[in-house]
PDB file of N, CA and C in Angstrom:
ATOM      1  N   MET A   1       0.839  -1.170   0.000  1.00  0.00           N
ATOM      2  CA  MET A   1       0.000   0.000   0.000  1.00  0.00           C
ATOM      3  C   MET A   1       0.889   1.241   0.000  1.00  0.00           C
ATOM      4  N   VAL A   2       0.510   2.208  -0.815  1.00  0.00           N
ATOM      5  CA  VAL A   2       1.212   3.481  -0.872  1.00  0.00           C
ATOM      6  C   VAL A   2       0.378   4.506  -0.125  1.00  0.00           C
ATOM      7  N   ARG A   3       1.007   5.204   0.787  1.00  0.00           N
ATOM      8  CA  ARG A   3       0.293   6.234   1.544  1.00  0.00           C
ATOM      9  C   ARG A   3       0.526   7.595   0.903  1.00  0.00           C
ATOM     10  N   ALA A   4      -0.537   8.321   0.701  1.00  0.00           N
ATOM     11  CA  ALA A   4      -0.448   9.660   0.104  1.00  0.00           C
ATOM     12  C   ALA A   4      -0.154  10.689   1.187  1.00  0.00           C
ATOM     13  N   ARG A   5       0.483  11.730   0.781  1.00  0.00           N
ATOM     14  CA  ARG A   5       0.749  12.831   1.706  1.00  0.00           C
ATOM     15  C   ARG A   5      -0.570  13.488   2.066  1.00  0.00           C
ATOM     16  N   THR A   6      -0.806  13.699   3.360  1.00  0.00           N
ATOM     17  CA  THR A   6      -2.068  14.284   3.794  1.00  0.00           C
ATOM     18  C   THR A   6      -1.915  15.702   4.315  1.00  0.00           C
ATOM     19  N   THR A   7      -0.706  16.151   4.552  1.00  0.00           N
ATOM     20  CA  THR A   7      -0.501  17.515   5.019  1.00  0.00           C
ATOM     21  C   THR A   7      -0.040  18.375   3.852  1.00  0.00           C
ATOM     22  N   PRO A   8      -0.526  19.607   3.761  1.00  0.00           N
ATOM     23  CA  PRO A   8      -0.147  20.471   2.641  1.00  0.00           C
ATOM     24  C   PRO A   8       1.302  20.927   2.737  1.00  0.00           C
ATOM     25  N   LEU A   9       1.856  21.320   1.609  1.00  0.00           N
ATOM     26  CA  LEU A   9       3.227  21.819   1.539  1.00  0.00           C
ATOM     27  C   LEU A   9       3.285  23.337   1.627  1.00  0.00           C
ATOM     28  N   ARG A  10       2.274  23.956   2.190  1.00  0.00           N
ATOM     29  CA  ARG A  10       2.275  25.409   2.332  1.00  0.00           C
ATOM     30  C   ARG A  10       3.259  25.785   3.427  1.00  0.00           C
ATOM     31  N   THR A  11       4.065  26.742   3.148  1.00  0.00           N
ATOM     32  CA  THR A  11       5.054  27.156   4.133  1.00  0.00           C
ATOM     33  C   THR A  11       5.545  28.552   3.804  1.00  0.00           C
ATOM     34  N   HIS A  12       6.351  29.109   4.651  1.00  0.00           N
ATOM     35  CA  HIS A  12       6.919  30.422   4.403  1.00  0.00           C
ATOM     36  C   HIS A  12       8.337  30.461   4.921  1.00  0.00           C
ATOM     37  N   SER A  13       9.124  31.331   4.369  1.00  0.00           N
ATOM     38  CA  SER A  13      10.522  31.485   4.750  1.00  0.00           C
ATOM     39  C   SER A  13      10.589  32.264   6.068  1.00  0.00           C
ATOM     40  N   PRO A  14      11.565  32.065   6.910  1.00  0.00           N
ATOM     41  CA  PRO A  14      12.771  31.276   6.725  1.00  0.00           C
ATOM     42  C   PRO A  14      12.688  29.869   7.292  1.00  0.00           C
ATOM     43  N   HIS A  15      11.522  29.399   7.724  1.00  0.00           N
ATOM     44  CA  HIS A  15      11.441  28.113   8.410  1.00  0.00           C
ATOM     45  C   HIS A  15      11.009  26.960   7.518  1.00  0.00           C
ATOM     46  N   GLY A  16      10.726  27.216   6.271  1.00  0.00           N
ATOM     47  CA  GLY A  16      10.231  26.172   5.385  1.00  0.00           C
ATOM     48  C   GLY A  16      11.345  25.444   4.664  1.00  0.00           C
ATOM     49  N   TRP A  17      10.982  24.547   3.777  1.00  0.00           N
ATOM     50  CA  TRP A  17      11.949  23.732   3.046  1.00  0.00           C
ATOM     51  C   TRP A  17      12.811  24.551   2.111  1.00  0.00           C
ATOM     52  N   PHE A  18      12.387  25.735   1.712  1.00  0.00           N
ATOM     53  CA  PHE A  18      13.124  26.540   0.744  1.00  0.00           C
ATOM     54  C   PHE A  18      13.887  27.673   1.414  1.00  0.00           C
ATOM     55  N   SER A  19      14.161  27.573   2.703  1.00  0.00           N
ATOM     56  CA  SER A  19      14.780  28.680   3.427  1.00  0.00           C
ATOM     57  C   SER A  19      16.104  29.173   2.841  1.00  0.00           C
ATOM     58  N   PRO A  20      16.892  28.371   2.089  1.00  0.00           N
ATOM     59  CA  PRO A  20      18.099  28.940   1.482  1.00  0.00           C
ATOM     60  C   PRO A  20      17.796  30.003   0.421  1.00  0.00           C
ATOM     61  N   TYR A  21      16.569  30.049  -0.064  1.00  0.00           N
ATOM     62  CA  TYR A  21      16.185  30.994  -1.110  1.00  0.00           C
ATOM     63  C   TYR A  21      15.536  32.211  -0.461  1.00  0.00           C
ATOM     64  N   ARG A  22      16.343  33.195  -0.090  1.00  0.00           N
ATOM     65  CA  ARG A  22      15.843  34.352   0.646  1.00  0.00           C
ATOM     66  C   ARG A  22      14.800  35.146  -0.121  1.00  0.00           C
ATOM     67  N   HIS A  23      14.817  35.098  -1.457  1.00  0.00           N
ATOM     68  CA  HIS A  23      13.862  35.864  -2.241  1.00  0.00           C
ATOM     69  C   HIS A  23      12.479  35.231  -2.248  1.00  0.00           C
ATOM     70  N   VAL A  24      12.343  33.986  -1.856  1.00  0.00           N
ATOM     71  CA  VAL A  24      11.043  33.314  -1.799  1.00  0.00           C
ATOM     72  C   VAL A  24      10.452  33.566  -0.420  1.00  0.00           C
ATOM     73  N   LYS A  25       9.324  34.261  -0.364  1.00  0.00           N
ATOM     74  CA  LYS A  25       8.702  34.597   0.903  1.00  0.00           C
ATOM     75  C   LYS A  25       7.536  33.678   1.253  1.00  0.00           C
ATOM     76  N   TRP A  26       6.955  33.043   0.247  1.00  0.00           N
ATOM     77  CA  TRP A  26       5.786  32.199   0.496  1.00  0.00           C
ATOM     78  C   TRP A  26       5.552  31.315  -0.712  1.00  0.00           C
ATOM     79  N   VAL A  27       5.070  30.093  -0.485  1.00  0.00           N
ATOM     80  CA  VAL A  27       4.735  29.190  -1.577  1.00  0.00           C
ATOM     81  C   VAL A  27       3.614  28.264  -1.129  1.00  0.00           C
ATOM     82  N   ASP A  28       2.749  27.917  -2.050  1.00  0.00           N
ATOM     83  CA  ASP A  28       1.671  26.960  -1.800  1.00  0.00           C
ATOM     84  C   ASP A  28       1.720  25.965  -2.953  1.00  0.00           C
ATOM     85  N   LEU A  29       2.233  24.787  -2.693  1.00  0.00           N
ATOM     86  CA  LEU A  29       2.396  23.785  -3.746  1.00  0.00           C
ATOM     87  C   LEU A  29       1.195  22.866  -3.890  1.00  0.00           C
ATOM     88  N   ASP A  30       0.172  23.060  -3.077  1.00  0.00           N
ATOM     89  CA  ASP A  30      -0.981  22.174  -3.110  1.00  0.00           C
ATOM     90  C   ASP A  30      -2.196  22.761  -3.832  1.00  0.00           C
ATOM     91  N   SER A  31      -2.336  24.059  -3.836  1.00  0.00           N
ATOM     92  CA  SER A  31      -3.501  24.696  -4.443  1.00  0.00           C
ATOM     93  C   SER A  31      -3.215  25.073  -5.892  1.00  0.00           C
ATOM     94  N   HIS A  32      -4.275  25.282  -6.644  1.00  0.00           N
ATOM     95  CA  HIS A  32      -4.159  25.777  -8.014  1.00  0.00           C
ATOM     96  C   HIS A  32      -4.565  27.241  -8.007  1.00  0.00           C
ATOM     97  N   GLY A  33      -3.878  28.040  -8.787  1.00  0.00           N
ATOM     98  CA  GLY A  33      -4.201  29.451  -8.815  1.00  0.00           C
ATOM     99  C   GLY A  33      -3.354  30.206  -9.811  1.00  0.00           C
ATOM    100  N   HIS A  34      -3.213  31.496  -9.563  1.00  0.00           N
ATOM    101  CA  HIS A  34      -2.458  32.351 -10.466  1.00  0.00           C
ATOM    102  C   HIS A  34      -1.921  33.552  -9.697  1.00  0.00           C
ATOM    103  N   GLY A  35      -1.037  34.273 -10.331  1.00  0.00           N
ATOM    104  CA  GLY A  35      -0.488  35.481  -9.740  1.00  0.00           C
ATOM    105  C   GLY A  35      -0.599  36.638 -10.704  1.00  0.00           C
ATOM    106  N   VAL A  36      -0.648  37.830 -10.144  1.00  0.00           N
ATOM    107  CA  VAL A  36      -0.689  39.056 -10.933  1.00  0.00           C
ATOM    108  C   VAL A  36       0.519  39.891 -10.531  1.00  0.00           C
ATOM    109  N   LEU A  37       1.363  40.223 -11.505  1.00  0.00           N
ATOM    110  CA  LEU A  37       2.540  41.052 -11.264  1.00  0.00           C
ATOM    111  C   LEU A  37       2.291  42.420 -11.880  1.00  0.00           C
ATOM    112  N   ASP A  38       2.445  43.469 -11.080  1.00  0.00           N
ATOM    113  CA  ASP A  38       2.244  44.842 -11.528  1.00  0.00           C
ATOM    114  C   ASP A  38       3.523  45.617 -11.245  1.00  0.00           C
ATOM    115  N   VAL A  39       4.123  46.203 -12.278  1.00  0.00           N
ATOM    116  CA  VAL A  39       5.394  46.899 -12.130  1.00  0.00           C
ATOM    117  C   VAL A  39       5.229  48.346 -12.576  1.00  0.00           C
ATOM    118  N   THR A  40       5.648  49.263 -11.722  1.00  0.00           N
ATOM    119  CA  THR A  40       5.683  50.690 -12.053  1.00  0.00           C
ATOM    120  C   THR A  40       7.086  51.205 -11.719  1.00  0.00           C
ATOM    121  N   ALA A  41       7.354  52.456 -12.015  1.00  0.00           N
ATOM    122  CA  ALA A  41       8.656  53.041 -11.678  1.00  0.00           C
ATOM    123  C   ALA A  41       8.848  53.138 -10.164  1.00  0.00           C
ATOM    124  N   GLU A  42       7.751  53.230  -9.424  1.00  0.00           N
ATOM    125  CA  GLU A  42       7.821  53.386  -7.969  1.00  0.00           C
ATOM    126  C   GLU A  42       7.955  52.070  -7.218  1.00  0.00           C
ATOM    127  N   ARG A  43       7.441  50.956  -7.784  1.00  0.00           N
ATOM    128  CA  ARG A  43       7.449  49.686  -7.069  1.00  0.00           C
ATOM    129  C   ARG A  43       7.080  48.534  -7.989  1.00  0.00           C
ATOM    130  N   SER A  44       7.360  47.326  -7.527  1.00  0.00           N
ATOM    131  CA  SER A  44       6.817  46.125  -8.164  1.00  0.00           C
ATOM    132  C   SER A  44       5.934  45.444  -7.128  1.00  0.00           C
ATOM    133  N   ARG A  45       4.919  44.747  -7.617  1.00  0.00           N
ATOM    134  CA  ARG A  45       3.900  44.219  -6.719  1.00  0.00           C
ATOM    135  C   ARG A  45       3.385  42.909  -7.279  1.00  0.00           C
ATOM    136  N   THR A  46       3.160  41.910  -6.422  1.00  0.00           N
ATOM    137  CA  THR A  46       2.575  40.657  -6.865  1.00  0.00           C
ATOM    138  C   THR A  46       1.440  40.261  -5.936  1.00  0.00           C
ATOM    139  N   ASP A  47       0.350  39.805  -6.523  1.00  0.00           N
ATOM    140  CA  ASP A  47      -0.803  39.288  -5.779  1.00  0.00           C
ATOM    141  C   ASP A  47      -0.994  37.830  -6.177  1.00  0.00           C
ATOM    142  N   SER A  48      -1.118  36.942  -5.198  1.00  0.00           N
ATOM    143  CA  SER A  48      -1.318  35.516  -5.453  1.00  0.00           C
ATOM    144  C   SER A  48      -2.761  35.128  -5.151  1.00  0.00           C
ATOM    145  N   TYR A  49      -3.360  34.355  -6.058  1.00  0.00           N
ATOM    146  CA  TYR A  49      -4.753  33.935  -5.946  1.00  0.00           C
ATOM    147  C   TYR A  49      -4.856  32.415  -6.001  1.00  0.00           C
ATOM    148  N   VAL A  50      -5.846  31.864  -5.293  1.00  0.00           N
ATOM    149  CA  VAL A  50      -6.133  30.430  -5.300  1.00  0.00           C
ATOM    150  C   VAL A  50      -7.507  30.238  -5.919  1.00  0.00           C
ATOM    151  N   VAL A  51      -7.629  29.240  -6.798  1.00  0.00           N
ATOM    152  CA  VAL A  51      -8.901  28.931  -7.458  1.00  0.00           C
ATOM    153  C   VAL A  51      -9.674  27.941  -6.594  1.00  0.00           C
ATOM    154  N   SER A  52     -10.987  28.177  -6.448  1.00  0.00           N
ATOM    155  CA  SER A  52     -11.806  27.349  -5.568  1.00  0.00           C
ATOM    156  C   SER A  52     -11.885  25.895  -6.034  1.00  0.00           C
ATOM    157  N   ASP A  53     -12.123  25.675  -7.321  1.00  0.00           N
ATOM    158  CA  ASP A  53     -12.221  24.312  -7.858  1.00  0.00           C
ATOM    159  C   ASP A  53     -11.870  24.370  -9.337  1.00  0.00           C
ATOM    160  N   ARG A  54     -10.697  23.924  -9.668  1.00  0.00           N
ATOM    161  CA  ARG A  54     -10.206  24.060 -11.048  1.00  0.00           C
ATOM    162  C   ARG A  54     -10.984  23.238 -12.055  1.00  0.00           C
ATOM    163  N   THR A  55     -11.833  22.329 -11.600  1.00  0.00           N
ATOM    164  CA  THR A  55     -12.614  21.506 -12.522  1.00  0.00           C
ATOM    165  C   THR A  55     -13.945  22.144 -12.896  1.00  0.00           C
ATOM    166  N   ARG A  56     -14.288  23.259 -12.292  1.00  0.00           N
ATOM    167  CA  ARG A  56     -15.584  23.904 -12.546  1.00  0.00           C
ATOM    168  C   ARG A  56     -15.394  25.218 -13.298  1.00  0.00           C
ATOM    169  N   GLU A  57     -16.247  25.427 -14.297  1.00  0.00           N
ATOM    170  CA  GLU A  57     -16.182  26.673 -15.069  1.00  0.00           C
ATOM    171  C   GLU A  57     -16.579  27.886 -14.241  1.00  0.00           C
ATOM    172  N   ASP A  58     -17.417  27.683 -13.226  1.00  0.00           N
ATOM    173  CA  ASP A  58     -17.865  28.796 -12.398  1.00  0.00           C
ATOM    174  C   ASP A  58     -17.002  28.973 -11.138  1.00  0.00           C
ATOM    175  N   ALA A  59     -15.796  28.441 -11.160  1.00  0.00           N
ATOM    176  CA  ALA A  59     -14.894  28.552 -10.014  1.00  0.00           C
ATOM    177  C   ALA A  59     -14.568  30.016  -9.728  1.00  0.00           C
ATOM    178  N   THR A  60     -14.328  30.299  -8.482  1.00  0.00           N
ATOM    179  CA  THR A  60     -13.943  31.643  -8.064  1.00  0.00           C
ATOM    180  C   THR A  60     -12.472  31.646  -7.656  1.00  0.00           C
ATOM    181  N   SER A  61     -11.899  32.828  -7.566  1.00  0.00           N
ATOM    182  CA  SER A  61     -10.525  32.924  -7.074  1.00  0.00           C
ATOM    183  C   SER A  61     -10.494  33.870  -5.883  1.00  0.00           C
ATOM    184  N   THR A  62      -9.604  33.568  -4.966  1.00  0.00           N
ATOM    185  CA  THR A  62      -9.457  34.344  -3.740  1.00  0.00           C
ATOM    186  C   THR A  62      -8.001  34.753  -3.580  1.00  0.00           C
ATOM    187  N   ARG A  63      -7.786  36.021  -3.290  1.00  0.00           N
ATOM    188  CA  ARG A  63      -6.422  36.487  -3.056  1.00  0.00           C
ATOM    189  C   ARG A  63      -5.953  35.946  -1.716  1.00  0.00           C
ATOM    190  N   VAL A  64      -4.741  35.374  -1.713  1.00  0.00           N
ATOM    191  CA  VAL A  64      -4.219  34.795  -0.487  1.00  0.00           C
ATOM    192  C   VAL A  64      -2.983  35.528   0.044  1.00  0.00           C
ATOM    193  N   ARG A  65      -2.203  36.132  -0.823  1.00  0.00           N
ATOM    194  CA  ARG A  65      -1.014  36.857  -0.392  1.00  0.00           C
ATOM    195  C   ARG A  65      -0.675  37.959  -1.393  1.00  0.00           C
ATOM    196  N   SER A  66      -0.049  39.023  -0.861  1.00  0.00           N
ATOM    197  CA  SER A  66       0.440  40.114  -1.704  1.00  0.00           C
ATOM    198  C   SER A  66       1.760  40.619  -1.136  1.00  0.00           C
ATOM    199  N   TYR A  67       2.681  40.928  -2.051  1.00  0.00           N
ATOM    200  CA  TYR A  67       3.991  41.466  -1.664  1.00  0.00           C
ATOM    201  C   TYR A  67       4.366  42.604  -2.593  1.00  0.00           C
ATOM    202  N   ARG A  68       5.253  43.503  -2.092  1.00  0.00           N
ATOM    203  CA  ARG A  68       5.753  44.587  -2.926  1.00  0.00           C
ATOM    204  C   ARG A  68       7.222  44.835  -2.609  1.00  0.00           C
ATOM    205  N   THR A  69       7.885  45.441  -3.582  1.00  0.00           N
ATOM    206  CA  THR A  69       9.240  45.961  -3.402  1.00  0.00           C
ATOM    207  C   THR A  69       9.231  47.384  -3.911  1.00  0.00           C
ATOM    208  N   ARG A  70       9.575  48.320  -3.067  1.00  0.00           N
ATOM    209  CA  ARG A  70       9.591  49.727  -3.465  1.00  0.00           C
ATOM    210  C   ARG A  70      10.828  50.015  -4.296  1.00  0.00           C
ATOM    211  N   GLY A  71      10.684  50.940  -5.265  1.00  0.00           N
ATOM    212  CA  GLY A  71      11.799  51.311  -6.126  1.00  0.00           C
ATOM    213  C   GLY A  71      12.990  51.798  -5.319  1.00  0.00           C
ATOM    214  N   GLY A  72      14.176  51.358  -5.717  1.00  0.00           N
ATOM    215  CA  GLY A  72      15.388  51.776  -5.036  1.00  0.00           C
ATOM    216  C   GLY A  72      15.720  50.975  -3.793  1.00  0.00           C
ATOM    217  N   THR A  73      14.906  49.971  -3.484  1.00  0.00           N
ATOM    218  CA  THR A  73      15.175  49.123  -2.318  1.00  0.00           C
ATOM    219  C   THR A  73      15.320  47.672  -2.763  1.00  0.00           C
ATOM    220  N   ARG A  74      15.756  46.843  -1.852  1.00  0.00           N
ATOM    221  CA  ARG A  74      15.826  45.407  -2.113  1.00  0.00           C
ATOM    222  C   ARG A  74      15.030  44.648  -1.062  1.00  0.00           C
ATOM    223  N   LYS A  75      14.080  45.315  -0.427  1.00  0.00           N
ATOM    224  CA  LYS A  75      13.295  44.723   0.641  1.00  0.00           C
ATOM    225  C   LYS A  75      11.907  44.336   0.123  1.00  0.00           C
ATOM    226  N   VAL A  76      11.516  43.097   0.393  1.00  0.00           N
ATOM    227  CA  VAL A  76      10.180  42.620   0.037  1.00  0.00           C
ATOM    228  C   VAL A  76       9.288  42.776   1.266  1.00  0.00           C
ATOM    229  N   GLU A  77       8.130  43.413   1.057  1.00  0.00           N
ATOM    230  CA  GLU A  77       7.196  43.652   2.158  1.00  0.00           C
ATOM    231  C   GLU A  77       5.852  43.000   1.845  1.00  0.00           C
ATOM    232  N   ARG A  78       5.267  42.356   2.843  1.00  0.00           N
ATOM    233  CA  ARG A  78       3.917  41.830   2.679  1.00  0.00           C
ATOM    234  C   ARG A  78       2.936  42.993   2.804  1.00  0.00           C
ATOM    235  N   VAL A  79       1.930  43.016   1.942  1.00  0.00           N
ATOM    236  CA  VAL A  79       0.906  44.063   1.992  1.00  0.00           C
ATOM    237  C   VAL A  79      -0.470  43.412   2.114  1.00  0.00           C
ATOM    238  N   ASP A  80      -1.424  44.190   2.625  1.00  0.00           N
ATOM    239  CA  ASP A  80      -2.734  43.628   2.968  1.00  0.00           C
ATOM    240  C   ASP A  80      -3.770  43.663   1.859  1.00  0.00           C
ATOM    241  N   ALA A  81      -3.640  44.573   0.916  1.00  0.00           N
ATOM    242  CA  ALA A  81      -4.686  44.738  -0.102  1.00  0.00           C
ATOM    243  C   ALA A  81      -4.122  44.488  -1.493  1.00  0.00           C
ATOM    244  N   PRO A  82      -4.949  44.004  -2.410  1.00  0.00           N
ATOM    245  CA  PRO A  82      -4.484  43.778  -3.780  1.00  0.00           C
ATOM    246  C   PRO A  82      -4.319  45.078  -4.556  1.00  0.00           C
ATOM    247  N   VAL A  83      -3.641  45.004  -5.685  1.00  0.00           N
ATOM    248  CA  VAL A  83      -3.509  46.148  -6.590  1.00  0.00           C
ATOM    249  C   VAL A  83      -4.896  46.506  -7.094  1.00  0.00           C
ATOM    250  N   ARG A  84      -5.198  47.766  -7.161  1.00  0.00           N
ATOM    251  CA  ARG A  84      -6.526  48.192  -7.655  1.00  0.00           C
ATOM    252  C   ARG A  84      -6.377  48.898  -8.981  1.00  0.00           C
TER     253      ARG A  84
END
């Protein structure tokens, strides 16, 4: 018998499996979704979304995380609201 993994691989740096990769702040390897990257002269910004059920045409998506880097810096910051 083969046992399937029952716990999700969701994690965040620096305590997760990818901690050597300082630029990776969060990953969800179990859900299906998409990301939106918005770049301006002042900042770059990414919003990550998870799809409710990828097998359904009427599936919805929910924003789960957002990060930004301000121009002239090398610091990634978590933000609370999506790009509008």
